[in-house]
Amino acid sequence: MEGIEFRDEELSRLISDEYAGKILSATYKHPMSVQQISRGCAIPIAVAYRRVAKMEEHGLVKCVGYEEVYRGKKVSYYECAVNMAKVTFAAGKFDIEIDFLPESELSRIGPSIIDEGEDV
């Protein structure tokens, strides 16, 4: 039970974070690379990478694909995976309710994982 409470507390801090809010808003139905997020949301690049990684760990954003940009270098694109989030604090405890978007509503960018394994 304590693990769930800690997770809710950590998620509530993450969701209420100014940068996380900007990232969720910017990537809602519009996938972006971390570089685009950094520039578009005025977030330092190192902070953007850390925040996106933490948000992906919690399922708040999802990597929806990548593009090969230069000599095998790949750029990943992330999209908001949250439809609704509600944080409440009652009786000394945080409770967080998240309604995630269905996979079918997320965008796809670049080749799929299936395409990667095929010989051309």
Protein backbone atom coordinates (compact mmCIF):
# COMPACT_ATOMS: atom_id res chain seq x y z
CA MET A 1 0.00 0.00 0.00
CA GLU A 2 2.85 2.38 0.84
CA GLY A 3 4.29 1.93 -2.69
CA ILE A 4 1.03 3.12 -4.25
CA GLU A 5 0.95 6.17 -1.98
CA PHE A 6 4.55 7.04 -2.90
CA ARG A 7 3.75 6.58 -6.60
CA ASP A 8 0.70 8.88 -6.30
CA GLU A 9 2.79 11.49 -4.49
CA GLU A 10 5.54 11.30 -7.12
CA LEU A 11 3.01 11.44 -9.97
CA SER A 12 1.21 14.41 -8.42
CA ARG A 13 4.52 16.30 -8.17
CA LEU A 14 5.39 15.39 -11.76
CA ILE A 15 1.98 16.35 -13.18
CA SER A 16 1.98 19.67 -11.34
CA ASP A 17 5.50 20.51 -12.48
CA GLU A 18 5.59 23.58 -14.74
CA TYR A 19 7.77 21.91 -17.35
CA ALA A 20 5.73 18.71 -17.39
CA GLY A 21 2.58 20.75 -17.95
CA LYS A 22 4.20 22.52 -20.89
CA ILE A 23 5.36 19.20 -22.35
CA LEU A 24 1.92 17.59 -22.02
CA SER A 25 0.22 20.58 -23.63
CA ALA A 26 2.73 20.87 -26.47
CA THR A 27 2.65 17.17 -27.33
CA TYR A 28 -1.10 16.60 -27.02
CA LYS A 29 -2.06 15.20 -30.45
CA HIS A 30 1.18 16.66 -31.86
CA PRO A 31 4.33 14.48 -31.51
CA MET A 32 7.57 16.36 -30.94
CA SER A 33 11.23 15.54 -30.49
CA VAL A 34 12.93 16.55 -27.26
CA GLN A 35 14.79 19.25 -29.19
CA GLN A 36 11.49 20.66 -30.47
CA ILE A 37 10.00 20.49 -26.97
CA SER A 38 13.02 22.32 -25.56
CA ARG A 39 12.82 25.14 -28.12
CA GLY A 40 9.02 25.40 -28.28
CA CYS A 41 8.48 25.34 -24.53
CA ALA A 42 11.58 27.33 -23.51
CA ILE A 43 12.90 24.45 -21.40
CA PRO A 44 16.66 23.91 -21.10
CA ILE A 45 17.62 20.89 -23.23
CA ALA A 46 19.07 18.84 -20.35
CA VAL A 47 15.93 19.45 -18.27
CA ALA A 48 13.72 18.53 -21.26
CA TYR A 49 15.54 15.21 -21.71
CA ARG A 50 15.27 14.36 -18.00
CA ARG A 51 11.63 15.39 -17.74
CA VAL A 52 10.56 13.50 -20.88
CA ALA A 53 12.39 10.38 -19.62
CA LYS A 54 10.66 10.60 -16.22
CA MET A 55 7.28 11.23 -17.87
CA GLU A 56 7.78 8.28 -20.22
CA GLU A 57 8.69 6.09 -17.22
CA HIS A 58 5.29 6.94 -15.69
CA GLY A 59 3.39 6.55 -18.97
CA LEU A 60 2.49 10.23 -19.29
CA VAL A 61 4.16 10.52 -22.71
CA LYS A 62 4.92 7.78 -25.21
CA CYS A 63 7.54 7.48 -27.87
CA VAL A 64 5.45 7.19 -31.03
CA GLY A 65 8.29 6.66 -33.47
CA TYR A 66 11.46 8.05 -34.86
CA GLU A 67 13.01 9.48 -37.97
CA GLU A 68 16.49 8.83 -39.25
CA VAL A 69 17.93 12.30 -39.73
CA TYR A 70 21.60 11.94 -40.58
CA ARG A 71 23.93 8.97 -41.10
CA GLY A 72 21.93 6.59 -38.96
CA LYS A 73 21.20 9.14 -36.23
CA LYS A 74 17.62 8.72 -35.06
CA VAL A 75 15.39 11.32 -33.47
CA SER A 76 12.57 10.01 -31.29
CA TYR A 77 9.16 11.69 -31.16
CA TYR A 78 6.99 11.82 -28.06
CA GLU A 79 3.28 12.41 -27.64
CA CYS A 80 1.10 13.08 -24.61
CA ALA A 81 -0.57 9.83 -23.52
CA VAL A 82 -2.93 11.48 -21.03
CA ASN A 83 -6.52 12.39 -21.76
CA MET A 84 -7.33 13.58 -18.22
CA ALA A 85 -5.48 13.80 -14.91
CA LYS A 86 -7.02 14.63 -11.57
CA VAL A 87 -5.02 15.12 -8.37
CA THR A 88 -6.77 15.28 -5.01
CA PHE A 89 -5.44 15.65 -1.51
CA ALA A 90 -7.67 14.38 1.28
CA ALA A 91 -7.07 13.12 4.80
CA GLY A 92 -3.35 13.80 4.43
CA LYS A 93 -2.90 11.70 1.31
CA PHE A 94 -2.57 12.38 -2.40
CA ASP A 95 -4.73 10.52 -4.85
CA ILE A 96 -4.19 10.73 -8.56
CA GLU A 97 -6.55 9.57 -11.25
CA ILE A 98 -5.25 9.40 -14.81
CA ASP A 99 -7.28 8.58 -17.88
CA PHE A 100 -4.78 7.47 -20.52
CA LEU A 101 -5.42 7.82 -24.24
CA PRO A 102 -5.97 4.52 -26.05
CA GLU A 103 -3.00 3.34 -28.13
CA SER A 104 -5.18 3.65 -31.23
CA GLU A 105 -5.41 7.43 -30.72
CA LEU A 106 -1.65 7.96 -30.60
CA SER A 107 0.25 8.99 -33.73
CA ARG A 108 2.86 6.85 -35.47
CA ILE A 109 6.02 8.33 -36.94
CA GLY A 110 8.61 6.59 -39.09
CA PRO A 111 8.97 2.87 -39.66
CA SER A 112 7.26 0.47 -37.31
CA ILE A 113 9.20 -2.10 -35.32
CA ILE A 114 7.92 -4.76 -37.75
CA ASP A 115 9.45 -2.81 -40.69
CA GLU A 116 12.87 -2.75 -38.97
CA GLY A 117 13.19 -6.53 -39.03
CA GLU A 118 12.30 -6.97 -42.70
CA ASP A 119 14.89 -7.30 -45.44
CA VAL A 120 14.36 -4.92 -48.35
